[in-house]
Amino acid sequence: TGADVFQHLFDNTFGEVKEINWISRRSNIEALDESCFTDQYFMPD
């Protein structure tokens, strides 16, 4: 959600923003873990 909001503000969806500060507790801006083996967590077994 933070990434989506940042992108839309950067693209001036709601007007030309003067300044954006994106703050996160996470150690980095981290990617979704979506490998084929990670997907095995989302299996009934």
PDB file of all heavy atoms in Angstrom:
ATOM      1  N   THR A   1       0.830  -1.206   0.000  1.00  0.00           N
ATOM      2  CA  THR A   1       0.000   0.000   0.000  1.00  0.00           C
ATOM      3  C   THR A   1       0.861   1.251   0.000  1.00  0.00           C
ATOM      4  O   THR A   1       0.597   2.209  -0.741  1.00  0.00           O
ATOM      5  CB  THR A   1      -0.943   0.009   1.216  1.00  0.00           C
ATOM      6  OG1 THR A   1      -1.809  -1.123   1.152  1.00  0.00           O
ATOM      7  CG2 THR A   1      -1.784   1.276   1.243  1.00  0.00           C
ATOM      8  N   GLY A   2       1.906   1.274   0.824  1.00  0.00           N
ATOM      9  CA  GLY A   2       2.814   2.410   0.833  1.00  0.00           C
ATOM     10  C   GLY A   2       3.434   2.643  -0.529  1.00  0.00           C
ATOM     11  O   GLY A   2       3.568   3.789  -0.987  1.00  0.00           O
ATOM     12  N   ALA A   3       3.820   1.562  -1.204  1.00  0.00           N
ATOM     13  CA  ALA A   3       4.417   1.668  -2.533  1.00  0.00           C
ATOM     14  C   ALA A   3       3.412   2.212  -3.544  1.00  0.00           C
ATOM     15  O   ALA A   3       3.741   3.074  -4.378  1.00  0.00           O
ATOM     16  CB  ALA A   3       4.934   0.307  -2.983  1.00  0.00           C
ATOM     17  N   ASP A   4       2.174   1.721  -3.490  1.00  0.00           N
ATOM     18  CA  ASP A   4       1.142   2.210  -4.416  1.00  0.00           C
ATOM     19  C   ASP A   4       0.875   3.695  -4.200  1.00  0.00           C
ATOM     20  O   ASP A   4       0.726   4.461  -5.160  1.00  0.00           O
ATOM     21  CB  ASP A   4      -0.160   1.416  -4.234  1.00  0.00           C
ATOM     22  CG  ASP A   4      -0.074  -0.008  -4.789  1.00  0.00           C
ATOM     23  OD1 ASP A   4       0.762  -0.247  -5.680  1.00  0.00           O
ATOM     24  OD2 ASP A   4      -0.840  -0.869  -4.318  1.00  0.00           O
ATOM     25  N   VAL A   5       0.806   4.101  -2.939  1.00  0.00           N
ATOM     26  CA  VAL A   5       0.558   5.509  -2.635  1.00  0.00           C
ATOM     27  C   VAL A   5       1.730   6.365  -3.123  1.00  0.00           C
ATOM     28  O   VAL A   5       1.533   7.408  -3.755  1.00  0.00           O
ATOM     29  CB  VAL A   5       0.318   5.710  -1.128  1.00  0.00           C
ATOM     30  CG1 VAL A   5       0.258   7.196  -0.780  1.00  0.00           C
ATOM     31  CG2 VAL A   5      -0.979   5.027  -0.696  1.00  0.00           C
ATOM     32  N   PHE A   6       2.966   5.922  -2.855  1.00  0.00           N
ATOM     33  CA  PHE A   6       4.138   6.671  -3.304  1.00  0.00           C
ATOM     34  C   PHE A   6       4.115   6.840  -4.824  1.00  0.00           C
ATOM     35  O   PHE A   6       4.348   7.941  -5.345  1.00  0.00           O
ATOM     36  CB  PHE A   6       5.420   5.954  -2.877  1.00  0.00           C
ATOM     37  CG  PHE A   6       6.679   6.674  -3.292  1.00  0.00           C
ATOM     38  CD1 PHE A   6       7.241   7.645  -2.476  1.00  0.00           C
ATOM     39  CD2 PHE A   6       7.288   6.400  -4.512  1.00  0.00           C
ATOM     40  CE1 PHE A   6       8.399   8.325  -2.863  1.00  0.00           C
ATOM     41  CE2 PHE A   6       8.437   7.067  -4.914  1.00  0.00           C
ATOM     42  CZ  PHE A   6       8.990   8.029  -4.089  1.00  0.00           C
ATOM     43  N   GLN A   7       3.844   5.759  -5.530  1.00  0.00           N
ATOM     44  CA  GLN A   7       3.833   5.815  -6.992  1.00  0.00           C
ATOM     45  C   GLN A   7       2.805   6.806  -7.508  1.00  0.00           C
ATOM     46  O   GLN A   7       3.085   7.608  -8.399  1.00  0.00           O
ATOM     47  CB  GLN A   7       3.551   4.427  -7.572  1.00  0.00           C
ATOM     48  CG  GLN A   7       3.428   4.390  -9.086  1.00  0.00           C
ATOM     49  CD  GLN A   7       3.030   3.013  -9.582  1.00  0.00           C
ATOM     50  OE1 GLN A   7       3.524   2.003  -9.091  1.00  0.00           O
ATOM     51  NE2 GLN A   7       2.122   2.974 -10.550  1.00  0.00           N
ATOM     52  N   HIS A   8       1.619   6.788  -6.936  1.00  0.00           N
ATOM     53  CA  HIS A   8       0.557   7.673  -7.432  1.00  0.00           C
ATOM     54  C   HIS A   8       0.825   9.131  -7.059  1.00  0.00           C
ATOM     55  O   HIS A   8       0.483  10.032  -7.824  1.00  0.00           O
ATOM     56  CB  HIS A   8      -0.802   7.203  -6.919  1.00  0.00           C
ATOM     57  CG  HIS A   8      -1.344   6.025  -7.667  1.00  0.00           C
ATOM     58  ND1 HIS A   8      -0.923   4.740  -7.423  1.00  0.00           N
ATOM     59  CD2 HIS A   8      -2.244   5.941  -8.680  1.00  0.00           C
ATOM     60  CE1 HIS A   8      -1.558   3.912  -8.236  1.00  0.00           C
ATOM     61  NE2 HIS A   8      -2.367   4.610  -9.003  1.00  0.00           N
ATOM     62  N   LEU A   9       1.432   9.356  -5.900  1.00  0.00           N
ATOM     63  CA  LEU A   9       1.799  10.733  -5.565  1.00  0.00           C
ATOM     64  C   LEU A   9       2.924  11.220  -6.461  1.00  0.00           C
ATOM     65  O   LEU A   9       2.926  12.372  -6.905  1.00  0.00           O
ATOM     66  CB  LEU A   9       2.217  10.822  -4.094  1.00  0.00           C
ATOM     67  CG  LEU A   9       1.108  11.233  -3.108  1.00  0.00           C
ATOM     68  CD1 LEU A   9      -0.074  10.297  -3.145  1.00  0.00           C
ATOM     69  CD2 LEU A   9       1.683  11.310  -1.692  1.00  0.00           C
ATOM     70  N   PHE A  10       3.886  10.347  -6.741  1.00  0.00           N
ATOM     71  CA  PHE A  10       5.002  10.701  -7.626  1.00  0.00           C
ATOM     72  C   PHE A  10       4.478  11.067  -9.012  1.00  0.00           C
ATOM     73  O   PHE A  10       4.994  11.977  -9.669  1.00  0.00           O
ATOM     74  CB  PHE A  10       5.978   9.523  -7.716  1.00  0.00           C
ATOM     75  CG  PHE A  10       7.304   9.867  -8.328  1.00  0.00           C
ATOM     76  CD1 PHE A  10       8.386  10.189  -7.525  1.00  0.00           C
ATOM     77  CD2 PHE A  10       7.466   9.880  -9.704  1.00  0.00           C
ATOM     78  CE1 PHE A  10       9.620  10.510  -8.089  1.00  0.00           C
ATOM     79  CE2 PHE A  10       8.686  10.198 -10.271  1.00  0.00           C
ATOM     80  CZ  PHE A  10       9.771  10.523  -9.465  1.00  0.00           C
ATOM     81  N   ASP A  11       3.439  10.358  -9.451  1.00  0.00           N
ATOM     82  CA  ASP A  11       2.855  10.595 -10.775  1.00  0.00           C
ATOM     83  C   ASP A  11       1.823  11.711 -10.783  1.00  0.00           C
ATOM     84  O   ASP A  11       1.114  11.908 -11.777  1.00  0.00           O
ATOM     85  CB  ASP A  11       2.204   9.309 -11.294  1.00  0.00           C
ATOM     86  CG  ASP A  11       3.224   8.231 -11.614  1.00  0.00           C
ATOM     87  OD1 ASP A  11       4.422   8.546 -11.698  1.00  0.00           O
ATOM     88  OD2 ASP A  11       2.816   7.055 -11.776  1.00  0.00           O
ATOM     89  N   ASN A  12       1.695  12.436  -9.668  1.00  0.00           N
ATOM     90  CA  ASN A  12       0.807  13.599  -9.572  1.00  0.00           C
ATOM     91  C   ASN A  12      -0.673  13.243  -9.757  1.00  0.00           C
ATOM     92  O   ASN A  12      -1.453  14.041 -10.286  1.00  0.00           O
ATOM     93  CB  ASN A  12       1.214  14.673 -10.601  1.00  0.00           C
ATOM     94  CG  ASN A  12       2.612  15.203 -10.350  1.00  0.00           C
ATOM     95  OD1 ASN A  12       3.049  15.310  -9.215  1.00  0.00           O
ATOM     96  ND2 ASN A  12       3.321  15.525 -11.432  1.00  0.00           N
ATOM     97  N   THR A  13      -1.057  12.050  -9.314  1.00  0.00           N
ATOM     98  CA  THR A  13      -2.466  11.653  -9.414  1.00  0.00           C
ATOM     99  C   THR A  13      -3.378  12.625  -8.679  1.00  0.00           C
ATOM    100  O   THR A  13      -4.506  12.877  -9.105  1.00  0.00           O
ATOM    101  CB  THR A  13      -2.656  10.232  -8.851  1.00  0.00           C
ATOM    102  OG1 THR A  13      -1.828   9.324  -9.595  1.00  0.00           O
ATOM    103  CG2 THR A  13      -4.113   9.793  -8.950  1.00  0.00           C
ATOM    104  N   PHE A  14      -2.895  13.175  -7.563  1.00  0.00           N
ATOM    105  CA  PHE A  14      -3.700  14.078  -6.750  1.00  0.00           C
ATOM    106  C   PHE A  14      -3.138  15.501  -6.762  1.00  0.00           C
ATOM    107  O   PHE A  14      -3.326  16.261  -5.826  1.00  0.00           O
ATOM    108  CB  PHE A  14      -3.799  13.549  -5.324  1.00  0.00           C
ATOM    109  CG  PHE A  14      -4.391  12.162  -5.238  1.00  0.00           C
ATOM    110  CD1 PHE A  14      -3.570  11.055  -5.076  1.00  0.00           C
ATOM    111  CD2 PHE A  14      -5.755  11.966  -5.347  1.00  0.00           C
ATOM    112  CE1 PHE A  14      -4.101   9.779  -5.018  1.00  0.00           C
ATOM    113  CE2 PHE A  14      -6.306  10.696  -5.284  1.00  0.00           C
ATOM    114  CZ  PHE A  14      -5.475   9.592  -5.125  1.00  0.00           C
ATOM    115  N   GLY A  15      -2.459  15.830  -7.825  1.00  0.00           N
ATOM    116  CA  GLY A  15      -1.856  17.154  -7.948  1.00  0.00           C
ATOM    117  C   GLY A  15      -0.340  17.071  -7.829  1.00  0.00           C
ATOM    118  O   GLY A  15       0.222  16.063  -7.390  1.00  0.00           O
ATOM    119  N   GLU A  16       0.340  18.136  -8.205  1.00  0.00           N
ATOM    120  CA  GLU A  16       1.806  18.153  -8.195  1.00  0.00           C
ATOM    121  C   GLU A  16       2.319  18.390  -6.783  1.00  0.00           C
ATOM    122  O   GLU A  16       2.319  19.513  -6.271  1.00  0.00           O
ATOM    123  CB  GLU A  16       2.325  19.234  -9.137  1.00  0.00           C
ATOM    124  CG  GLU A  16       3.826  19.169  -9.357  1.00  0.00           C
ATOM    125  CD  GLU A  16       4.306  20.099 -10.444  1.00  0.00           C
ATOM    126  OE1 GLU A  16       3.455  20.605 -11.228  1.00  0.00           O
ATOM    127  OE2 GLU A  16       5.527  20.332 -10.518  1.00  0.00           O
ATOM    128  N   VAL A  17       2.765  17.297  -6.162  1.00  0.00           N
ATOM    129  CA  VAL A  17       3.217  17.337  -4.778  1.00  0.00           C
ATOM    130  C   VAL A  17       4.544  18.084  -4.685  1.00  0.00           C
ATOM    131  O   VAL A  17       5.427  17.945  -5.532  1.00  0.00           O
ATOM    132  CB  VAL A  17       3.372  15.900  -4.237  1.00  0.00           C
ATOM    133  CG1 VAL A  17       3.911  15.910  -2.815  1.00  0.00           C
ATOM    134  CG2 VAL A  17       2.037  15.175  -4.285  1.00  0.00           C
ATOM    135  N   LYS A  18       4.689  18.879  -3.629  1.00  0.00           N
ATOM    136  CA  LYS A  18       5.937  19.626  -3.428  1.00  0.00           C
ATOM    137  C   LYS A  18       7.046  18.723  -2.891  1.00  0.00           C
ATOM    138  O   LYS A  18       8.207  18.822  -3.310  1.00  0.00           O
ATOM    139  CB  LYS A  18       5.691  20.775  -2.446  1.00  0.00           C
ATOM    140  CG  LYS A  18       6.930  21.609  -2.146  1.00  0.00           C
ATOM    141  CD  LYS A  18       6.602  22.723  -1.149  1.00  0.00           C
ATOM    142  CE  LYS A  18       7.838  23.555  -0.824  1.00  0.00           C
ATOM    143  NZ  LYS A  18       7.525  24.630   0.154  1.00  0.00           N
ATOM    144  N   GLU A  19       6.689  17.817  -1.960  1.00  0.00           N
ATOM    145  CA  GLU A  19       7.708  16.988  -1.309  1.00  0.00           C
ATOM    146  C   GLU A  19       7.066  15.692  -0.833  1.00  0.00           C
ATOM    147  O   GLU A  19       5.927  15.690  -0.353  1.00  0.00           O
ATOM    148  CB  GLU A  19       8.297  17.752  -0.121  1.00  0.00           C
ATOM    149  CG  GLU A  19       9.348  16.991   0.682  1.00  0.00           C
ATOM    150  CD  GLU A  19       9.838  17.829   1.859  1.00  0.00           C
ATOM    151  OE1 GLU A  19      10.444  18.887   1.615  1.00  0.00           O
ATOM    152  OE2 GLU A  19       9.591  17.409   3.024  1.00  0.00           O
ATOM    153  N   ILE A  20       7.777  14.571  -1.007  1.00  0.00           N
ATOM    154  CA  ILE A  20       7.310  13.274  -0.507  1.00  0.00           C
ATOM    155  C   ILE A  20       8.392  12.667   0.373  1.00  0.00           C
ATOM    156  O   ILE A  20       9.555  12.568  -0.042  1.00  0.00           O
ATOM    157  CB  ILE A  20       7.007  12.278  -1.648  1.00  0.00           C
ATOM    158  CG1 ILE A  20       6.068  12.863  -2.701  1.00  0.00           C
ATOM    159  CG2 ILE A  20       6.405  10.992  -1.069  1.00  0.00           C
ATOM    160  CD1 ILE A  20       5.858  11.949  -3.897  1.00  0.00           C
ATOM    161  N   ASN A  21       8.012  12.255   1.569  1.00  0.00           N
ATOM    162  CA  ASN A  21       8.889  11.465   2.438  1.00  0.00           C
ATOM    163  C   ASN A  21       8.195  10.131   2.703  1.00  0.00           C
ATOM    164  O   ASN A  21       7.088  10.100   3.265  1.00  0.00           O
ATOM    165  CB  ASN A  21       9.144  12.182   3.764  1.00  0.00           C
ATOM    166  CG  ASN A  21      10.091  13.351   3.602  1.00  0.00           C
ATOM    167  OD1 ASN A  21      11.248  13.173   3.252  1.00  0.00           O
ATOM    168  ND2 ASN A  21       9.591  14.548   3.848  1.00  0.00           N
ATOM    169  N   TRP A  22       8.847   9.042   2.261  1.00  0.00           N
ATOM    170  CA  TRP A  22       8.281   7.704   2.461  1.00  0.00           C
ATOM    171  C   TRP A  22       9.038   7.047   3.610  1.00  0.00           C
ATOM    172  O   TRP A  22      10.235   6.790   3.513  1.00  0.00           O
ATOM    173  CB  TRP A  22       8.419   6.905   1.167  1.00  0.00           C
ATOM    174  CG  TRP A  22       7.788   5.540   1.202  1.00  0.00           C
ATOM    175  CD1 TRP A  22       6.987   5.021   2.163  1.00  0.00           C
ATOM    176  CD2 TRP A  22       7.921   4.533   0.194  1.00  0.00           C
ATOM    177  NE1 TRP A  22       6.595   3.755   1.838  1.00  0.00           N
ATOM    178  CE2 TRP A  22       7.147   3.421   0.636  1.00  0.00           C
ATOM    179  CE3 TRP A  22       8.597   4.465  -1.020  1.00  0.00           C
ATOM    180  CZ2 TRP A  22       7.063   2.254  -0.112  1.00  0.00           C
ATOM    181  CZ3 TRP A  22       8.507   3.300  -1.761  1.00  0.00           C
ATOM    182  CH2 TRP A  22       7.745   2.199  -1.322  1.00  0.00           C
ATOM    183  N   ILE A  23       8.318   6.779   4.703  1.00  0.00           N
ATOM    184  CA  ILE A  23       8.912   6.289   5.947  1.00  0.00           C
ATOM    185  C   ILE A  23       8.492   4.847   6.182  1.00  0.00           C
ATOM    186  O   ILE A  23       7.311   4.503   6.072  1.00  0.00           O
ATOM    187  CB  ILE A  23       8.445   7.142   7.150  1.00  0.00           C
ATOM    188  CG1 ILE A  23       8.632   8.643   6.864  1.00  0.00           C
ATOM    189  CG2 ILE A  23       9.146   6.711   8.423  1.00  0.00           C
ATOM    190  CD1 ILE A  23      10.047   9.056   6.597  1.00  0.00           C
ATOM    191  N   SER A  24       9.467   3.986   6.518  1.00  0.00           N
ATOM    192  CA  SER A  24       9.151   2.580   6.782  1.00  0.00           C
ATOM    193  C   SER A  24       9.991   2.049   7.934  1.00  0.00           C
ATOM    194  O   SER A  24      11.187   2.343   8.029  1.00  0.00           O
ATOM    195  CB  SER A  24       9.412   1.726   5.540  1.00  0.00           C
ATOM    196  OG  SER A  24       9.244   0.348   5.843  1.00  0.00           O
ATOM    197  N   ARG A  25       9.383   1.245   8.788  1.00  0.00           N
ATOM    198  CA  ARG A  25      10.122   0.575   9.861  1.00  0.00           C
ATOM    199  C   ARG A  25      10.998  -0.552   9.312  1.00  0.00           C
ATOM    200  O   ARG A  25      11.944  -0.979   9.969  1.00  0.00           O
ATOM    201  CB  ARG A  25       9.166  -0.025  10.891  1.00  0.00           C
ATOM    202  CG  ARG A  25       8.458   0.997  11.758  1.00  0.00           C
ATOM    203  CD  ARG A  25       7.638   0.330  12.832  1.00  0.00           C
ATOM    204  NE  ARG A  25       6.623  -0.556  12.276  1.00  0.00           N
ATOM    205  CZ  ARG A  25       5.736  -1.236  13.005  1.00  0.00           C
ATOM    206  NH1 ARG A  25       5.768  -1.139  14.327  1.00  0.00           N
ATOM    207  NH2 ARG A  25       4.837  -2.003  12.434  1.00  0.00           N
ATOM    208  N   ARG A  26      10.662  -1.044   8.135  1.00  0.00           N
ATOM    209  CA  ARG A  26      11.398  -2.172   7.574  1.00  0.00           C
ATOM    210  C   ARG A  26      12.832  -1.762   7.234  1.00  0.00           C
ATOM    211  O   ARG A  26      13.113  -0.600   6.988  1.00  0.00           O
ATOM    212  CB  ARG A  26      10.686  -2.696   6.328  1.00  0.00           C
ATOM    213  CG  ARG A  26       9.254  -3.110   6.617  1.00  0.00           C
ATOM    214  CD  ARG A  26       8.558  -3.659   5.405  1.00  0.00           C
ATOM    215  NE  ARG A  26       7.139  -3.903   5.688  1.00  0.00           N
ATOM    216  CZ  ARG A  26       6.324  -4.587   4.902  1.00  0.00           C
ATOM    217  NH1 ARG A  26       6.779  -5.103   3.772  1.00  0.00           N
ATOM    218  NH2 ARG A  26       5.056  -4.757   5.233  1.00  0.00           N
ATOM    219  N   SER A  27      13.707  -2.752   7.196  1.00  0.00           N
ATOM    220  CA  SER A  27      15.119  -2.465   6.975  1.00  0.00           C
ATOM    221  C   SER A  27      15.403  -2.002   5.549  1.00  0.00           C
ATOM    222  O   SER A  27      16.458  -1.442   5.278  1.00  0.00           O
ATOM    223  CB  SER A  27      15.964  -3.701   7.295  1.00  0.00           C
ATOM    224  OG  SER A  27      15.585  -4.786   6.462  1.00  0.00           O
ATOM    225  N   ASN A  28      14.473  -2.223   4.638  1.00  0.00           N
ATOM    226  CA  ASN A  28      14.620  -1.771   3.254  1.00  0.00           C
ATOM    227  C   ASN A  28      13.227  -1.740   2.635  1.00  0.00           C
ATOM    228  O   ASN A  28      12.246  -2.137   3.259  1.00  0.00           O
ATOM    229  CB  ASN A  28      15.553  -2.707   2.475  1.00  0.00           C
ATOM    230  CG  ASN A  28      16.133  -2.066   1.222  1.00  0.00           C
ATOM    231  OD1 ASN A  28      15.722  -0.976   0.812  1.00  0.00           O
ATOM    232  ND2 ASN A  28      17.105  -2.725   0.629  1.00  0.00           N
ATOM    233  N   ILE A  29      13.151  -1.269   1.403  1.00  0.00           N
ATOM    234  CA  ILE A  29      11.898  -1.384   0.652  1.00  0.00           C
ATOM    235  C   ILE A  29      11.911  -2.781   0.057  1.00  0.00           C
ATOM    236  O   ILE A  29      12.623  -3.056  -0.914  1.00  0.00           O
ATOM    237  CB  ILE A  29      11.809  -0.294  -0.441  1.00  0.00           C
ATOM    238  CG1 ILE A  29      11.943   1.091   0.192  1.00  0.00           C
ATOM    239  CG2 ILE A  29      10.501  -0.419  -1.203  1.00  0.00           C
ATOM    240  CD1 ILE A  29      10.905   1.420   1.251  1.00  0.00           C
ATOM    241  N   GLU A  30      11.137  -3.680   0.658  1.00  0.00           N
ATOM    242  CA  GLU A  30      11.334  -5.110   0.441  1.00  0.00           C
ATOM    243  C   GLU A  30      10.321  -5.711  -0.528  1.00  0.00           C
ATOM    244  O   GLU A  30       9.121  -5.405  -0.498  1.00  0.00           O
ATOM    245  CB  GLU A  30      11.261  -5.833   1.782  1.00  0.00           C
ATOM    246  CG  GLU A  30      12.376  -5.397   2.732  1.00  0.00           C
ATOM    247  CD  GLU A  30      12.237  -5.961   4.125  1.00  0.00           C
ATOM    248  OE1 GLU A  30      11.097  -6.000   4.629  1.00  0.00           O
ATOM    249  OE2 GLU A  30      13.260  -6.357   4.697  1.00  0.00           O
ATOM    250  N   ALA A  31      10.844  -6.610  -1.372  1.00  0.00           N
ATOM    251  CA  ALA A  31      10.036  -7.231  -2.418  1.00  0.00           C
ATOM    252  C   ALA A  31       9.176  -8.362  -1.883  1.00  0.00           C
ATOM    253  O   ALA A  31       9.536  -9.047  -0.914  1.00  0.00           O
ATOM    254  CB  ALA A  31      10.950  -7.759  -3.527  1.00  0.00           C
ATOM    255  N   LEU A  32       8.048  -8.576  -2.529  1.00  0.00           N
ATOM    256  CA  LEU A  32       7.194  -9.729  -2.269  1.00  0.00           C
ATOM    257  C   LEU A  32       7.976 -10.997  -2.590  1.00  0.00           C
ATOM    258  O   LEU A  32       8.611 -11.100  -3.639  1.00  0.00           O
ATOM    259  CB  LEU A  32       5.945  -9.644  -3.149  1.00  0.00           C
ATOM    260  CG  LEU A  32       4.902 -10.749  -3.004  1.00  0.00           C
ATOM    261  CD1 LEU A  32       4.173 -10.603  -1.673  1.00  0.00           C
ATOM    262  CD2 LEU A  32       3.901 -10.682  -4.161  1.00  0.00           C
ATOM    263  N   ASP A  33       7.952 -11.950  -1.701  1.00  0.00           N
ATOM    264  CA  ASP A  33       8.595 -13.238  -1.934  1.00  0.00           C
ATOM    265  C   ASP A  33       7.589 -14.098  -2.701  1.00  0.00           C
ATOM    266  O   ASP A  33       6.683 -14.673  -2.105  1.00  0.00           O
ATOM    267  CB  ASP A  33       8.963 -13.872  -0.591  1.00  0.00           C
ATOM    268  CG  ASP A  33       9.744 -15.171  -0.746  1.00  0.00           C
ATOM    269  OD1 ASP A  33       9.934 -15.613  -1.892  1.00  0.00           O
ATOM    270  OD2 ASP A  33      10.157 -15.734   0.283  1.00  0.00           O
ATOM    271  N   GLU A  34       7.739 -14.180  -4.011  1.00  0.00           N
ATOM    272  CA  GLU A  34       6.716 -14.816  -4.836  1.00  0.00           C
ATOM    273  C   GLU A  34       7.289 -15.891  -5.751  1.00  0.00           C
ATOM    274  O   GLU A  34       6.817 -16.097  -6.872  1.00  0.00           O
ATOM    275  CB  GLU A  34       5.971 -13.756  -5.665  1.00  0.00           C
ATOM    276  CG  GLU A  34       6.866 -12.836  -6.462  1.00  0.00           C
ATOM    277  CD  GLU A  34       6.097 -11.729  -7.179  1.00  0.00           C
ATOM    278  OE1 GLU A  34       4.866 -11.871  -7.348  1.00  0.00           O
ATOM    279  OE2 GLU A  34       6.719 -10.735  -7.580  1.00  0.00           O
ATOM    280  N   SER A  35       8.321 -16.598  -5.291  1.00  0.00           N
ATOM    281  CA  SER A  35       8.887 -17.670  -6.105  1.00  0.00           C
ATOM    282  C   SER A  35       7.944 -18.870  -6.129  1.00  0.00           C
ATOM    283  O   SER A  35       7.009 -18.975  -5.329  1.00  0.00           O
ATOM    284  CB  SER A  35      10.242 -18.099  -5.541  1.00  0.00           C
ATOM    285  OG  SER A  35      10.068 -18.895  -4.376  1.00  0.00           O
ATOM    286  N   CYS A  36       8.215 -19.784  -7.056  1.00  0.00           N
ATOM    287  CA  CYS A  36       7.356 -20.965  -7.181  1.00  0.00           C
ATOM    288  C   CYS A  36       7.399 -21.825  -5.918  1.00  0.00           C
ATOM    289  O   CYS A  36       6.400 -22.459  -5.553  1.00  0.00           O
ATOM    290  CB  CYS A  36       7.738 -21.783  -8.405  1.00  0.00           C
ATOM    291  SG  CYS A  36       9.504 -22.170  -8.514  1.00  0.00           S
ATOM    292  N   PHE A  37       8.537 -21.834  -5.215  1.00  0.00           N
ATOM    293  CA  PHE A  37       8.602 -22.621  -3.988  1.00  0.00           C
ATOM    294  C   PHE A  37       7.960 -21.887  -2.815  1.00  0.00           C
ATOM    295  O   PHE A  37       7.378 -22.510  -1.927  1.00  0.00           O
ATOM    296  CB  PHE A  37      10.057 -22.999  -3.681  1.00  0.00           C
ATOM    297  CG  PHE A  37      10.533 -24.155  -4.515  1.00  0.00           C
ATOM    298  CD1 PHE A  37      11.249 -23.927  -5.686  1.00  0.00           C
ATOM    299  CD2 PHE A  37      10.245 -25.457  -4.163  1.00  0.00           C
ATOM    300  CE1 PHE A  37      11.667 -24.981  -6.479  1.00  0.00           C
ATOM    301  CE2 PHE A  37      10.658 -26.529  -4.957  1.00  0.00           C
ATOM    302  CZ  PHE A  37      11.374 -26.287  -6.112  1.00  0.00           C
ATOM    303  N   THR A  38       8.054 -20.587  -2.810  1.00  0.00           N
ATOM    304  CA  THR A  38       7.330 -19.830  -1.788  1.00  0.00           C
ATOM    305  C   THR A  38       5.833 -20.073  -1.916  1.00  0.00           C
ATOM    306  O   THR A  38       5.105 -20.142  -0.913  1.00  0.00           O
ATOM    307  CB  THR A  38       7.622 -18.328  -1.924  1.00  0.00           C
ATOM    308  OG1 THR A  38       9.013 -18.106  -1.708  1.00  0.00           O
ATOM    309  CG2 THR A  38       6.829 -17.521  -0.912  1.00  0.00           C
ATOM    310  N   ASP A  39       5.368 -20.237  -3.129  1.00  0.00           N
ATOM    311  CA  ASP A  39       3.940 -20.469  -3.368  1.00  0.00           C
ATOM    312  C   ASP A  39       3.457 -21.766  -2.731  1.00  0.00           C
ATOM    313  O   ASP A  39       2.248 -21.963  -2.568  1.00  0.00           O
ATOM    314  CB  ASP A  39       3.657 -20.479  -4.869  1.00  0.00           C
ATOM    315  CG  ASP A  39       2.222 -20.086  -5.191  1.00  0.00           C
ATOM    316  OD1 ASP A  39       1.701 -19.161  -4.534  1.00  0.00           O
ATOM    317  OD2 ASP A  39       1.611 -20.712  -6.080  1.00  0.00           O
ATOM    318  N   GLN A  40       4.376 -22.644  -2.358  1.00  0.00           N
ATOM    319  CA  GLN A  40       3.970 -23.891  -1.710  1.00  0.00           C
ATOM    320  C   GLN A  40       3.390 -23.649  -0.318  1.00  0.00           C
ATOM    321  O   GLN A  40       2.693 -24.514   0.222  1.00  0.00           O
ATOM    322  CB  GLN A  40       5.164 -24.850  -1.623  1.00  0.00           C
ATOM    323  CG  GLN A  40       5.814 -25.176  -2.959  1.00  0.00           C
ATOM    324  CD  GLN A  40       4.834 -25.643  -4.006  1.00  0.00           C
ATOM    325  OE1 GLN A  40       4.153 -26.657  -3.835  1.00  0.00           O
ATOM    326  NE2 GLN A  40       4.746 -24.900  -5.106  1.00  0.00           N
ATOM    327  N   TYR A  41       3.692 -22.486   0.280  1.00  0.00           N
ATOM    328  CA  TYR A  41       3.043 -22.141   1.544  1.00  0.00           C
ATOM    329  C   TYR A  41       1.537 -21.963   1.367  1.00  0.00           C
ATOM    330  O   TYR A  41       0.780 -22.027   2.336  1.00  0.00           O
ATOM    331  CB  TYR A  41       3.602 -20.831   2.109  1.00  0.00           C
ATOM    332  CG  TYR A  41       5.027 -20.887   2.602  1.00  0.00           C
ATOM    333  CD1 TYR A  41       5.905 -19.851   2.333  1.00  0.00           C
ATOM    334  CD2 TYR A  41       5.490 -21.961   3.367  1.00  0.00           C
ATOM    335  CE1 TYR A  41       7.219 -19.866   2.797  1.00  0.00           C
ATOM    336  CE2 TYR A  41       6.798 -21.993   3.829  1.00  0.00           C
ATOM    337  CZ  TYR A  41       7.657 -20.942   3.543  1.00  0.00           C
ATOM    338  OH  TYR A  41       8.949 -20.967   3.999  1.00  0.00           O
ATOM    339  N   PHE A  42       1.127 -21.706   0.148  1.00  0.00           N
ATOM    340  CA  PHE A  42      -0.277 -21.412  -0.138  1.00  0.00           C
ATOM    341  C   PHE A  42      -0.961 -22.625  -0.767  1.00  0.00           C
ATOM    342  O   PHE A  42      -1.759 -22.500  -1.690  1.00  0.00           O
ATOM    343  CB  PHE A  42      -0.373 -20.188  -1.048  1.00  0.00           C
ATOM    344  CG  PHE A  42       0.203 -18.947  -0.430  1.00  0.00           C
ATOM    345  CD1 PHE A  42       1.553 -18.656  -0.553  1.00  0.00           C
ATOM    346  CD2 PHE A  42      -0.588 -18.083   0.303  1.00  0.00           C
ATOM    347  CE1 PHE A  42       2.098 -17.522   0.037  1.00  0.00           C
ATOM    348  CE2 PHE A  42      -0.053 -16.952   0.907  1.00  0.00           C
ATOM    349  CZ  PHE A  42       1.296 -16.676   0.767  1.00  0.00           C
ATOM    350  N   MET A  43      -0.608 -23.797  -0.272  1.00  0.00           N
ATOM    351  CA  MET A  43      -1.184 -25.051  -0.731  1.00  0.00           C
ATOM    352  C   MET A  43      -1.926 -25.712   0.429  1.00  0.00           C
ATOM    353  O   MET A  43      -1.502 -25.607   1.590  1.00  0.00           O
ATOM    354  CB  MET A  43      -0.089 -26.002  -1.243  1.00  0.00           C
ATOM    355  CG  MET A  43       0.727 -25.466  -2.404  1.00  0.00           C
ATOM    356  SD  MET A  43      -0.244 -25.468  -3.940  1.00  0.00           S
ATOM    357  CE  MET A  43       0.963 -24.777  -5.087  1.00  0.00           C
ATOM    358  N   PRO A  44      -3.020 -26.419   0.148  1.00  0.00           N
ATOM    359  CA  PRO A  44      -3.789 -27.046   1.228  1.00  0.00           C
ATOM    360  C   PRO A  44      -2.974 -27.967   2.123  1.00  0.00           C
ATOM    361  O   PRO A  44      -3.179 -27.996   3.342  1.00  0.00           O
ATOM    362  CB  PRO A  44      -4.867 -27.826   0.464  1.00  0.00           C
ATOM    363  CG  PRO A  44      -5.066 -27.051  -0.801  1.00  0.00           C
ATOM    364  CD  PRO A  44      -3.697 -26.541  -1.159  1.00  0.00           C
ATOM    365  N   ASP A  45      -2.017 -28.723   1.548  1.00  0.00           N
ATOM    366  CA  ASP A  45      -1.260 -29.664   2.376  1.00  0.00           C
ATOM    367  C   ASP A  45      -0.419 -28.932   3.421  1.00  0.00           C
ATOM    368  O   ASP A  45      -0.280 -29.394   4.560  1.00  0.00           O
ATOM    369  CB  ASP A  45      -0.374 -30.559   1.505  1.00  0.00           C
ATOM    370  CG  ASP A  45       0.793 -29.796   0.888  1.00  0.00           C
ATOM    371  OD1 ASP A  45       0.525 -28.864   0.107  1.00  0.00           O
ATOM    372  OD2 ASP A  45       1.961 -30.121   1.182  1.00  0.00           O
TER     373      ASP A  45
END
